[in-house]
């Protein structure tokens, strides 16, 4: 059995996308994931399973759709992958303000050459780095004041394929995975 973090995209934003965590945990139990734990209302689940990534994503996405009538993309990282994500942080100076340091978790690595389509200087004072299937970014003016608009994410090729967590949440999920 491996421990995984499941990151749900786009829930509890707006009235039509509400998914209570108690009901989500109940669904996970019904799907056979007895040790599922959630964190915050943004759709973070930690659980153990012997299922591979594809089966896990499919089971959870279909379960959410059947129970709640919502299409919710699920991004998965193993405990080992998550530890590597924390260790590989290419913006270590950002940890001083963890609420302004973020990781966008992609469902797959960016296409070859995608990063070449954007000039980092065009987005200052924000900064970003891509590492495999994660985009680390720091927004000194906060997320609401960020230059990394939806157009940036679309240009990068990650617009509909990413879910974002701030550094505080990333560290808490790592602790939950390690528990």
N, C-alpha and C. Protein backbone atom coordinates (compact mmCIF):
# COMPACT_ATOMS: atom_id res chain seq x y z
N UNK A 1 0.84 -1.18 0.00
CA UNK A 1 0.00 0.00 0.00
C UNK A 1 0.88 1.24 0.00
N UNK A 2 0.59 2.14 -0.90
CA UNK A 2 1.31 3.41 -0.96
C UNK A 2 0.38 4.53 -0.51
N UNK A 3 0.98 5.56 0.07
CA UNK A 3 0.21 6.72 0.51
C UNK A 3 0.26 7.77 -0.58
N UNK A 4 -0.90 8.36 -0.86
CA UNK A 4 -1.04 9.33 -1.94
C UNK A 4 -1.71 10.61 -1.45
N UNK A 5 -1.37 11.71 -2.08
CA UNK A 5 -2.11 12.96 -1.92
C UNK A 5 -2.95 13.14 -3.17
N UNK A 6 -4.24 13.35 -2.99
CA UNK A 6 -5.15 13.63 -4.09
C UNK A 6 -5.52 15.09 -3.99
N UNK A 7 -5.32 15.82 -5.06
CA UNK A 7 -5.57 17.26 -5.10
C UNK A 7 -6.70 17.49 -6.08
N UNK A 8 -7.85 17.89 -5.56
CA UNK A 8 -9.02 18.10 -6.39
C UNK A 8 -8.99 19.53 -6.93
N UNK A 9 -9.38 19.67 -8.19
CA UNK A 9 -9.32 20.97 -8.84
C UNK A 9 -10.70 21.61 -8.89
N UNK A 10 -10.76 22.86 -8.43
CA UNK A 10 -11.94 23.68 -8.65
C UNK A 10 -13.16 23.40 -7.80
N UNK A 11 -12.96 22.89 -6.58
CA UNK A 11 -14.13 22.70 -5.73
C UNK A 11 -14.20 23.80 -4.68
N UNK A 12 -15.41 24.00 -4.17
CA UNK A 12 -15.70 25.00 -3.14
C UNK A 12 -15.32 26.41 -3.58
N UNK A 13 -15.48 26.64 -4.89
CA UNK A 13 -15.32 27.98 -5.45
C UNK A 13 -16.63 28.29 -6.18
N UNK A 14 -17.46 29.11 -5.57
CA UNK A 14 -18.77 29.40 -6.14
C UNK A 14 -19.81 28.44 -5.60
N UNK A 15 -21.05 28.87 -5.67
CA UNK A 15 -22.14 28.10 -5.07
C UNK A 15 -22.36 26.74 -5.72
N UNK A 16 -22.10 26.62 -7.01
CA UNK A 16 -22.40 25.36 -7.71
C UNK A 16 -21.31 24.31 -7.56
N UNK A 17 -20.18 24.67 -6.98
CA UNK A 17 -19.04 23.74 -6.89
C UNK A 17 -18.73 23.36 -5.45
N UNK A 18 -19.76 23.33 -4.58
CA UNK A 18 -19.56 23.01 -3.17
C UNK A 18 -19.49 21.50 -2.97
N UNK A 19 -18.48 21.07 -2.23
CA UNK A 19 -18.30 19.67 -1.92
C UNK A 19 -17.82 19.57 -0.47
N UNK A 20 -18.73 19.32 0.47
CA UNK A 20 -18.33 19.25 1.88
C UNK A 20 -17.32 18.13 2.15
N UNK A 21 -16.31 18.45 2.94
CA UNK A 21 -15.24 17.48 3.20
C UNK A 21 -15.74 16.24 3.93
N UNK A 22 -16.70 16.38 4.84
CA UNK A 22 -17.24 15.20 5.54
C UNK A 22 -17.88 14.24 4.53
N UNK A 23 -18.60 14.79 3.56
CA UNK A 23 -19.22 13.95 2.53
C UNK A 23 -18.18 13.36 1.60
N UNK A 24 -17.12 14.10 1.34
CA UNK A 24 -16.03 13.58 0.51
C UNK A 24 -15.34 12.41 1.21
N UNK A 25 -15.09 12.56 2.51
CA UNK A 25 -14.47 11.45 3.27
C UNK A 25 -15.39 10.23 3.28
N UNK A 26 -16.69 10.45 3.42
CA UNK A 26 -17.65 9.35 3.38
C UNK A 26 -17.60 8.64 2.03
N UNK A 27 -17.51 9.40 0.95
CA UNK A 27 -17.39 8.81 -0.38
C UNK A 27 -16.11 7.98 -0.47
N UNK A 28 -14.99 8.50 0.03
CA UNK A 28 -13.73 7.76 -0.03
C UNK A 28 -13.86 6.43 0.70
N UNK A 29 -14.53 6.43 1.85
CA UNK A 29 -14.76 5.19 2.58
C UNK A 29 -15.61 4.24 1.75
N UNK A 30 -16.66 4.76 1.14
CA UNK A 30 -17.53 3.93 0.29
C UNK A 30 -16.77 3.35 -0.90
N UNK A 31 -15.74 4.07 -1.36
CA UNK A 31 -14.93 3.59 -2.48
C UNK A 31 -13.84 2.61 -2.02
N UNK A 32 -13.75 2.39 -0.71
CA UNK A 32 -12.80 1.42 -0.18
C UNK A 32 -11.53 2.01 0.39
N UNK A 33 -11.47 3.33 0.51
CA UNK A 33 -10.29 4.00 1.07
C UNK A 33 -10.59 4.38 2.52
N UNK A 34 -10.40 3.42 3.41
CA UNK A 34 -10.81 3.57 4.81
C UNK A 34 -10.00 4.59 5.60
N UNK A 35 -8.80 4.91 5.16
CA UNK A 35 -7.95 5.81 5.94
C UNK A 35 -7.91 7.23 5.37
N UNK A 36 -8.86 7.58 4.51
CA UNK A 36 -8.85 8.88 3.85
C UNK A 36 -9.00 10.02 4.85
N UNK A 37 -8.11 11.01 4.73
CA UNK A 37 -8.15 12.22 5.56
C UNK A 37 -8.16 13.42 4.63
N UNK A 38 -8.93 14.43 4.99
CA UNK A 38 -8.97 15.64 4.19
C UNK A 38 -8.31 16.78 4.94
N UNK A 39 -7.92 17.79 4.18
CA UNK A 39 -7.32 18.99 4.76
C UNK A 39 -7.87 20.21 4.02
N UNK A 40 -8.41 21.13 4.76
CA UNK A 40 -9.02 22.35 4.25
C UNK A 40 -10.18 22.02 3.30
N UNK A 41 -10.84 23.05 2.84
CA UNK A 41 -12.01 22.89 1.98
C UNK A 41 -11.64 22.88 0.50
N UNK A 42 -10.37 22.96 0.20
CA UNK A 42 -9.96 23.08 -1.20
C UNK A 42 -9.75 21.74 -1.88
N UNK A 43 -10.07 20.66 -1.21
CA UNK A 43 -9.99 19.35 -1.86
C UNK A 43 -8.64 18.70 -1.78
N UNK A 44 -8.18 18.47 -0.58
CA UNK A 44 -6.93 17.75 -0.36
C UNK A 44 -7.26 16.47 0.39
N UNK A 45 -6.88 15.35 -0.17
CA UNK A 45 -7.15 14.05 0.45
C UNK A 45 -5.84 13.29 0.54
N UNK A 46 -5.60 12.67 1.67
CA UNK A 46 -4.46 11.76 1.83
C UNK A 46 -5.05 10.40 2.14
N UNK A 47 -4.59 9.39 1.41
CA UNK A 47 -5.08 8.03 1.62
C UNK A 47 -4.05 7.01 1.18
N UNK A 48 -4.28 5.77 1.56
CA UNK A 48 -3.39 4.67 1.17
C UNK A 48 -4.16 3.71 0.27
N UNK A 49 -3.47 3.19 -0.74
CA UNK A 49 -4.09 2.24 -1.65
C UNK A 49 -3.01 1.47 -2.40
N UNK A 50 -3.39 0.31 -2.87
CA UNK A 50 -2.50 -0.45 -3.74
C UNK A 50 -2.82 -0.17 -5.21
N UNK A 51 -3.86 0.63 -5.47
CA UNK A 51 -4.22 1.00 -6.84
C UNK A 51 -3.16 1.88 -7.45
N UNK A 52 -2.95 1.72 -8.72
CA UNK A 52 -2.06 2.60 -9.46
C UNK A 52 -2.72 3.95 -9.69
N UNK A 53 -1.94 4.92 -10.15
CA UNK A 53 -2.41 6.28 -10.34
C UNK A 53 -3.64 6.34 -11.24
N UNK A 54 -3.60 5.67 -12.39
CA UNK A 54 -4.71 5.75 -13.34
C UNK A 54 -6.00 5.23 -12.75
N UNK A 55 -5.92 4.09 -12.09
CA UNK A 55 -7.12 3.52 -11.47
C UNK A 55 -7.63 4.40 -10.33
N UNK A 56 -6.72 4.93 -9.52
CA UNK A 56 -7.10 5.79 -8.41
C UNK A 56 -7.82 7.04 -8.92
N UNK A 57 -7.24 7.72 -9.90
CA UNK A 57 -7.86 8.92 -10.47
C UNK A 57 -9.23 8.60 -11.04
N UNK A 58 -9.31 7.54 -11.81
CA UNK A 58 -10.58 7.16 -12.43
C UNK A 58 -11.65 6.85 -11.39
N UNK A 59 -11.29 6.06 -10.39
CA UNK A 59 -12.24 5.68 -9.34
C UNK A 59 -12.77 6.90 -8.60
N UNK A 60 -11.88 7.80 -8.22
CA UNK A 60 -12.28 8.98 -7.44
C UNK A 60 -13.08 9.95 -8.31
N UNK A 61 -12.61 10.22 -9.52
CA UNK A 61 -13.36 11.14 -10.40
C UNK A 61 -14.75 10.60 -10.70
N UNK A 62 -14.86 9.31 -11.01
CA UNK A 62 -16.17 8.72 -11.29
C UNK A 62 -17.05 8.71 -10.05
N UNK A 63 -16.45 8.44 -8.89
CA UNK A 63 -17.21 8.44 -7.64
C UNK A 63 -17.77 9.82 -7.32
N UNK A 64 -16.96 10.85 -7.51
CA UNK A 64 -17.43 12.21 -7.26
C UNK A 64 -18.55 12.57 -8.23
N UNK A 65 -18.38 12.20 -9.47
CA UNK A 65 -19.40 12.51 -10.46
C UNK A 65 -20.71 11.79 -10.14
N UNK A 66 -20.63 10.52 -9.77
CA UNK A 66 -21.83 9.75 -9.47
C UNK A 66 -22.53 10.26 -8.21
N UNK A 67 -21.77 10.60 -7.18
CA UNK A 67 -22.35 11.01 -5.90
C UNK A 67 -22.80 12.47 -5.91
N UNK A 68 -21.99 13.35 -6.51
CA UNK A 68 -22.25 14.78 -6.40
C UNK A 68 -22.65 15.44 -7.71
N UNK A 69 -22.57 14.70 -8.82
CA UNK A 69 -22.94 15.26 -10.11
C UNK A 69 -21.98 16.33 -10.60
N UNK A 70 -20.72 16.22 -10.17
CA UNK A 70 -19.71 17.20 -10.55
C UNK A 70 -18.54 16.51 -11.25
N UNK A 71 -18.03 17.16 -12.28
CA UNK A 71 -16.80 16.70 -12.91
C UNK A 71 -15.66 17.44 -12.22
N UNK A 72 -14.84 16.67 -11.50
CA UNK A 72 -13.75 17.25 -10.72
C UNK A 72 -12.45 16.54 -11.10
N UNK A 73 -11.55 17.24 -11.78
CA UNK A 73 -10.25 16.65 -12.08
C UNK A 73 -9.47 16.39 -10.78
N UNK A 74 -8.78 15.27 -10.75
CA UNK A 74 -8.00 14.87 -9.59
C UNK A 74 -6.55 14.69 -10.02
N UNK A 75 -5.65 15.36 -9.32
CA UNK A 75 -4.21 15.23 -9.55
C UNK A 75 -3.65 14.44 -8.37
N UNK A 76 -2.80 13.47 -8.65
CA UNK A 76 -2.28 12.58 -7.61
C UNK A 76 -0.76 12.65 -7.55
N UNK A 77 -0.25 12.66 -6.32
CA UNK A 77 1.19 12.52 -6.08
C UNK A 77 1.39 11.52 -4.95
N UNK A 78 2.38 10.65 -5.11
CA UNK A 78 2.71 9.70 -4.05
C UNK A 78 3.46 10.43 -2.93
N UNK A 79 3.58 9.75 -1.83
CA UNK A 79 4.34 10.29 -0.69
C UNK A 79 5.76 10.62 -1.14
N UNK A 80 6.37 9.73 -1.87
CA UNK A 80 7.74 9.95 -2.33
C UNK A 80 7.83 11.15 -3.28
N UNK A 81 6.89 11.23 -4.23
CA UNK A 81 6.88 12.36 -5.16
C UNK A 81 6.70 13.68 -4.40
N UNK A 82 5.82 13.67 -3.42
CA UNK A 82 5.54 14.89 -2.67
C UNK A 82 6.79 15.35 -1.91
N UNK A 83 7.49 14.41 -1.30
CA UNK A 83 8.73 14.76 -0.62
C UNK A 83 9.73 15.38 -1.57
N UNK A 84 9.81 14.83 -2.78
CA UNK A 84 10.70 15.38 -3.79
C UNK A 84 10.31 16.77 -4.23
N UNK A 85 9.01 17.02 -4.28
CA UNK A 85 8.52 18.35 -4.65
C UNK A 85 8.95 19.38 -3.62
N UNK A 86 8.85 19.03 -2.35
CA UNK A 86 9.26 19.96 -1.30
C UNK A 86 10.77 20.18 -1.36
N UNK A 87 11.52 19.11 -1.50
CA UNK A 87 12.99 19.22 -1.55
C UNK A 87 13.47 20.00 -2.77
N UNK A 88 12.77 19.89 -3.89
CA UNK A 88 13.22 20.50 -5.14
C UNK A 88 12.82 21.97 -5.28
N UNK A 89 12.20 22.55 -4.28
CA UNK A 89 11.72 23.93 -4.37
C UNK A 89 12.79 24.85 -4.97
N UNK A 90 12.58 25.34 -6.20
CA UNK A 90 13.58 26.20 -6.84
C UNK A 90 13.48 27.67 -6.42
N UNK A 91 12.56 27.98 -5.51
CA UNK A 91 12.39 29.34 -5.02
C UNK A 91 12.50 29.34 -3.48
N UNK A 92 13.63 28.87 -2.95
CA UNK A 92 13.74 28.71 -1.50
C UNK A 92 13.56 30.00 -0.72
N UNK A 93 13.86 31.14 -1.32
CA UNK A 93 13.66 32.41 -0.63
C UNK A 93 12.17 32.67 -0.38
N UNK A 94 11.30 32.00 -1.10
CA UNK A 94 9.87 32.18 -0.94
C UNK A 94 9.30 31.59 0.33
N UNK A 95 10.01 30.67 0.96
CA UNK A 95 9.47 30.03 2.17
C UNK A 95 9.36 31.01 3.33
N UNK A 96 10.02 32.15 3.25
CA UNK A 96 9.90 33.17 4.29
C UNK A 96 8.48 33.73 4.35
N UNK A 97 7.77 33.70 3.22
CA UNK A 97 6.37 34.13 3.14
C UNK A 97 5.58 33.00 2.48
N UNK A 98 5.30 31.93 3.24
CA UNK A 98 4.71 30.73 2.64
C UNK A 98 3.32 30.95 2.04
N UNK A 99 2.62 32.00 2.44
CA UNK A 99 1.31 32.26 1.85
C UNK A 99 1.42 32.92 0.48
N UNK A 100 2.65 33.28 0.09
CA UNK A 100 2.88 33.90 -1.22
C UNK A 100 3.70 33.01 -2.15
N UNK A 101 3.99 31.81 -1.68
CA UNK A 101 4.71 30.81 -2.48
C UNK A 101 3.72 29.69 -2.80
N UNK A 102 3.66 29.30 -4.05
CA UNK A 102 2.65 28.34 -4.51
C UNK A 102 3.28 27.25 -5.37
N UNK A 103 2.55 26.14 -5.44
CA UNK A 103 2.90 25.07 -6.38
C UNK A 103 1.63 24.76 -7.17
N UNK A 104 1.77 24.81 -8.48
CA UNK A 104 0.70 24.36 -9.37
C UNK A 104 1.03 22.92 -9.73
N UNK A 105 0.17 22.01 -9.33
CA UNK A 105 0.36 20.59 -9.61
C UNK A 105 -0.35 20.29 -10.92
N UNK A 106 0.41 19.83 -11.91
CA UNK A 106 -0.14 19.52 -13.23
C UNK A 106 -0.47 18.05 -13.31
N UNK A 107 -1.41 17.71 -14.18
CA UNK A 107 -1.74 16.29 -14.34
C UNK A 107 -0.72 15.56 -15.20
N UNK A 108 0.18 16.31 -15.86
CA UNK A 108 1.26 15.73 -16.65
C UNK A 108 2.31 16.82 -16.87
N UNK A 109 3.53 16.45 -17.18
CA UNK A 109 4.54 17.48 -17.47
C UNK A 109 4.10 18.36 -18.63
N UNK A 110 4.60 19.58 -18.65
CA UNK A 110 4.30 20.49 -19.75
C UNK A 110 4.87 19.93 -21.05
N UNK A 111 4.24 20.26 -22.16
CA UNK A 111 4.79 19.81 -23.45
C UNK A 111 6.19 20.39 -23.68
N UNK A 112 6.99 19.69 -24.45
CA UNK A 112 8.33 20.18 -24.78
C UNK A 112 8.23 21.57 -25.38
N UNK A 113 9.08 22.46 -24.91
CA UNK A 113 9.15 23.82 -25.43
C UNK A 113 8.12 24.77 -24.86
N UNK A 114 7.22 24.30 -24.01
CA UNK A 114 6.16 25.17 -23.47
C UNK A 114 6.74 26.32 -22.67
N UNK A 115 7.76 26.05 -21.89
CA UNK A 115 8.35 27.09 -21.06
C UNK A 115 9.02 28.17 -21.91
N UNK A 116 9.46 27.79 -23.11
CA UNK A 116 10.09 28.76 -24.01
C UNK A 116 9.11 29.80 -24.52
N UNK A 117 7.81 29.53 -24.39
CA UNK A 117 6.78 30.45 -24.89
C UNK A 117 6.56 31.64 -23.97
N UNK A 118 7.14 31.61 -22.79
CA UNK A 118 6.94 32.70 -21.84
C UNK A 118 8.27 33.29 -21.40
N UNK A 119 8.29 34.60 -21.27
CA UNK A 119 9.48 35.31 -20.81
C UNK A 119 9.26 35.68 -19.35
N UNK A 120 10.05 35.13 -18.43
CA UNK A 120 9.86 35.42 -17.01
C UNK A 120 9.85 36.91 -16.68
N UNK A 121 10.61 37.71 -17.42
CA UNK A 121 10.65 39.15 -17.15
C UNK A 121 9.32 39.84 -17.40
N UNK A 122 8.48 39.24 -18.23
CA UNK A 122 7.16 39.82 -18.52
C UNK A 122 6.21 39.73 -17.32
N UNK A 123 6.58 38.94 -16.31
CA UNK A 123 5.67 38.67 -15.20
C UNK A 123 6.18 39.18 -13.85
N UNK A 124 7.25 39.96 -13.87
CA UNK A 124 7.79 40.51 -12.64
C UNK A 124 6.76 41.42 -11.98
N UNK A 125 6.68 41.49 -10.67
CA UNK A 125 7.61 40.95 -9.70
C UNK A 125 7.40 39.47 -9.39
N UNK A 126 6.35 38.86 -9.98
CA UNK A 126 6.15 37.43 -9.76
C UNK A 126 7.29 36.67 -10.42
N UNK A 127 7.55 35.50 -9.89
CA UNK A 127 8.57 34.64 -10.48
C UNK A 127 8.06 33.21 -10.47
N UNK A 128 8.53 32.43 -11.42
CA UNK A 128 8.08 31.05 -11.53
C UNK A 128 9.20 30.17 -12.06
N UNK A 129 9.11 28.90 -11.71
CA UNK A 129 10.04 27.88 -12.21
C UNK A 129 9.24 26.60 -12.44
N UNK A 130 9.58 25.90 -13.49
CA UNK A 130 8.93 24.64 -13.81
C UNK A 130 9.87 23.51 -13.45
N UNK A 131 9.33 22.50 -12.78
CA UNK A 131 10.10 21.32 -12.43
C UNK A 131 9.20 20.11 -12.67
N UNK A 132 9.42 19.43 -13.77
CA UNK A 132 8.65 18.24 -14.13
C UNK A 132 7.18 18.61 -14.30
N UNK A 133 6.31 18.12 -13.44
CA UNK A 133 4.87 18.38 -13.57
C UNK A 133 4.39 19.34 -12.48
N UNK A 134 5.29 20.23 -12.04
CA UNK A 134 4.93 21.25 -11.07
C UNK A 134 5.46 22.60 -11.54
N UNK A 135 4.68 23.63 -11.28
CA UNK A 135 5.13 24.99 -11.52
C UNK A 135 5.15 25.66 -10.15
N UNK A 136 6.33 26.05 -9.72
CA UNK A 136 6.49 26.78 -8.47
C UNK A 136 6.40 28.27 -8.82
N UNK A 137 5.68 29.02 -8.03
CA UNK A 137 5.63 30.44 -8.30
C UNK A 137 5.46 31.24 -7.01
N UNK A 138 6.05 32.42 -7.03
CA UNK A 138 6.01 33.32 -5.88
C UNK A 138 5.38 34.63 -6.32
N UNK A 139 4.40 35.06 -5.55
CA UNK A 139 3.67 36.29 -5.85
C UNK A 139 3.83 37.25 -4.68
N UNK A 140 4.83 38.13 -4.71
CA UNK A 140 5.07 39.02 -3.58
C UNK A 140 3.89 39.93 -3.26
N UNK A 141 3.02 40.19 -4.24
CA UNK A 141 1.83 41.02 -4.00
C UNK A 141 0.60 40.17 -3.72
N UNK A 142 0.80 38.89 -3.45
CA UNK A 142 -0.31 37.98 -3.20
C UNK A 142 -0.91 37.45 -4.48
N UNK A 143 -1.69 36.41 -4.36
CA UNK A 143 -2.28 35.77 -5.53
C UNK A 143 -3.26 36.70 -6.24
N UNK A 144 -4.02 37.46 -5.47
CA UNK A 144 -5.00 38.35 -6.10
C UNK A 144 -4.33 39.49 -6.87
N UNK A 145 -3.08 39.83 -6.53
CA UNK A 145 -2.35 40.87 -7.23
C UNK A 145 -1.33 40.31 -8.20
N UNK A 146 -1.46 39.05 -8.55
CA UNK A 146 -0.45 38.37 -9.36
C UNK A 146 -0.52 38.77 -10.84
N UNK A 147 0.65 38.78 -11.45
CA UNK A 147 0.75 38.98 -12.90
C UNK A 147 0.54 37.66 -13.65
N UNK A 148 0.49 36.57 -12.91
CA UNK A 148 0.32 35.25 -13.53
C UNK A 148 -1.18 34.98 -13.70
N UNK A 149 -1.75 35.63 -14.68
CA UNK A 149 -3.17 35.59 -14.97
C UNK A 149 -3.54 34.30 -15.70
N UNK A 150 -4.82 34.06 -15.90
CA UNK A 150 -5.21 32.89 -16.70
C UNK A 150 -4.55 32.85 -18.08
N UNK A 151 -4.29 34.02 -18.65
CA UNK A 151 -3.62 34.05 -19.96
C UNK A 151 -2.21 33.46 -19.85
N UNK A 152 -1.52 33.72 -18.74
CA UNK A 152 -0.19 33.13 -18.52
C UNK A 152 -0.29 31.61 -18.52
N UNK A 153 -1.23 31.08 -17.74
CA UNK A 153 -1.35 29.63 -17.61
C UNK A 153 -1.74 28.99 -18.94
N UNK A 154 -2.56 29.67 -19.70
CA UNK A 154 -2.94 29.15 -21.02
C UNK A 154 -1.74 29.15 -21.96
N UNK A 155 -0.98 30.24 -21.94
CA UNK A 155 0.22 30.33 -22.78
C UNK A 155 1.22 29.24 -22.41
N UNK A 156 1.31 28.95 -21.13
CA UNK A 156 2.22 27.92 -20.64
C UNK A 156 1.71 26.52 -21.00
N UNK A 157 0.42 26.41 -21.27
CA UNK A 157 -0.16 25.11 -21.61
C UNK A 157 -0.67 24.36 -20.41
N UNK A 158 -0.90 25.07 -19.30
CA UNK A 158 -1.31 24.41 -18.06
C UNK A 158 -2.68 24.89 -17.57
N UNK A 159 -3.37 25.68 -18.35
CA UNK A 159 -4.60 26.32 -17.90
C UNK A 159 -5.64 25.40 -17.29
N UNK A 160 -5.97 24.33 -17.94
CA UNK A 160 -7.02 23.43 -17.45
C UNK A 160 -6.46 22.17 -16.80
N UNK A 161 -5.16 22.15 -16.60
CA UNK A 161 -4.52 20.92 -16.14
C UNK A 161 -3.77 21.08 -14.83
N UNK A 162 -4.09 22.14 -14.08
CA UNK A 162 -3.35 22.42 -12.86
C UNK A 162 -4.28 22.72 -11.70
N UNK A 163 -3.81 22.39 -10.51
CA UNK A 163 -4.48 22.80 -9.29
C UNK A 163 -3.40 23.37 -8.38
N UNK A 164 -3.69 24.48 -7.74
CA UNK A 164 -2.68 25.25 -7.01
C UNK A 164 -2.87 25.11 -5.50
N UNK A 165 -1.73 25.00 -4.80
CA UNK A 165 -1.72 25.01 -3.34
C UNK A 165 -0.63 25.94 -2.87
N UNK A 166 -0.88 26.67 -1.77
CA UNK A 166 0.19 27.52 -1.24
C UNK A 166 1.16 26.65 -0.44
N UNK A 167 2.30 27.24 -0.09
CA UNK A 167 3.38 26.48 0.54
C UNK A 167 2.97 25.93 1.90
N UNK A 168 2.15 26.68 2.65
CA UNK A 168 1.65 26.16 3.93
C UNK A 168 0.90 24.85 3.72
N UNK A 169 0.04 24.81 2.72
CA UNK A 169 -0.73 23.60 2.43
C UNK A 169 0.17 22.48 1.94
N UNK A 170 1.14 22.81 1.10
CA UNK A 170 2.09 21.80 0.62
C UNK A 170 2.80 21.14 1.79
N UNK A 171 3.27 21.95 2.73
CA UNK A 171 3.99 21.39 3.89
C UNK A 171 3.06 20.56 4.79
N UNK A 172 1.83 21.00 4.96
CA UNK A 172 0.88 20.22 5.77
C UNK A 172 0.57 18.89 5.10
N UNK A 173 0.39 18.89 3.80
CA UNK A 173 0.13 17.63 3.10
C UNK A 173 1.33 16.69 3.21
N UNK A 174 2.54 17.24 3.15
CA UNK A 174 3.71 16.40 3.33
C UNK A 174 3.70 15.77 4.72
N UNK A 175 3.36 16.55 5.74
CA UNK A 175 3.29 16.00 7.10
C UNK A 175 2.22 14.91 7.19
N UNK A 176 1.08 15.14 6.55
CA UNK A 176 0.01 14.13 6.57
C UNK A 176 0.45 12.86 5.86
N UNK A 177 1.17 13.01 4.76
CA UNK A 177 1.67 11.84 4.04
C UNK A 177 2.70 11.07 4.86
N UNK A 178 3.47 11.78 5.66
CA UNK A 178 4.52 11.15 6.46
C UNK A 178 4.00 10.56 7.76
N UNK A 179 2.77 10.91 8.16
CA UNK A 179 2.22 10.45 9.43
C UNK A 179 1.87 8.96 9.39
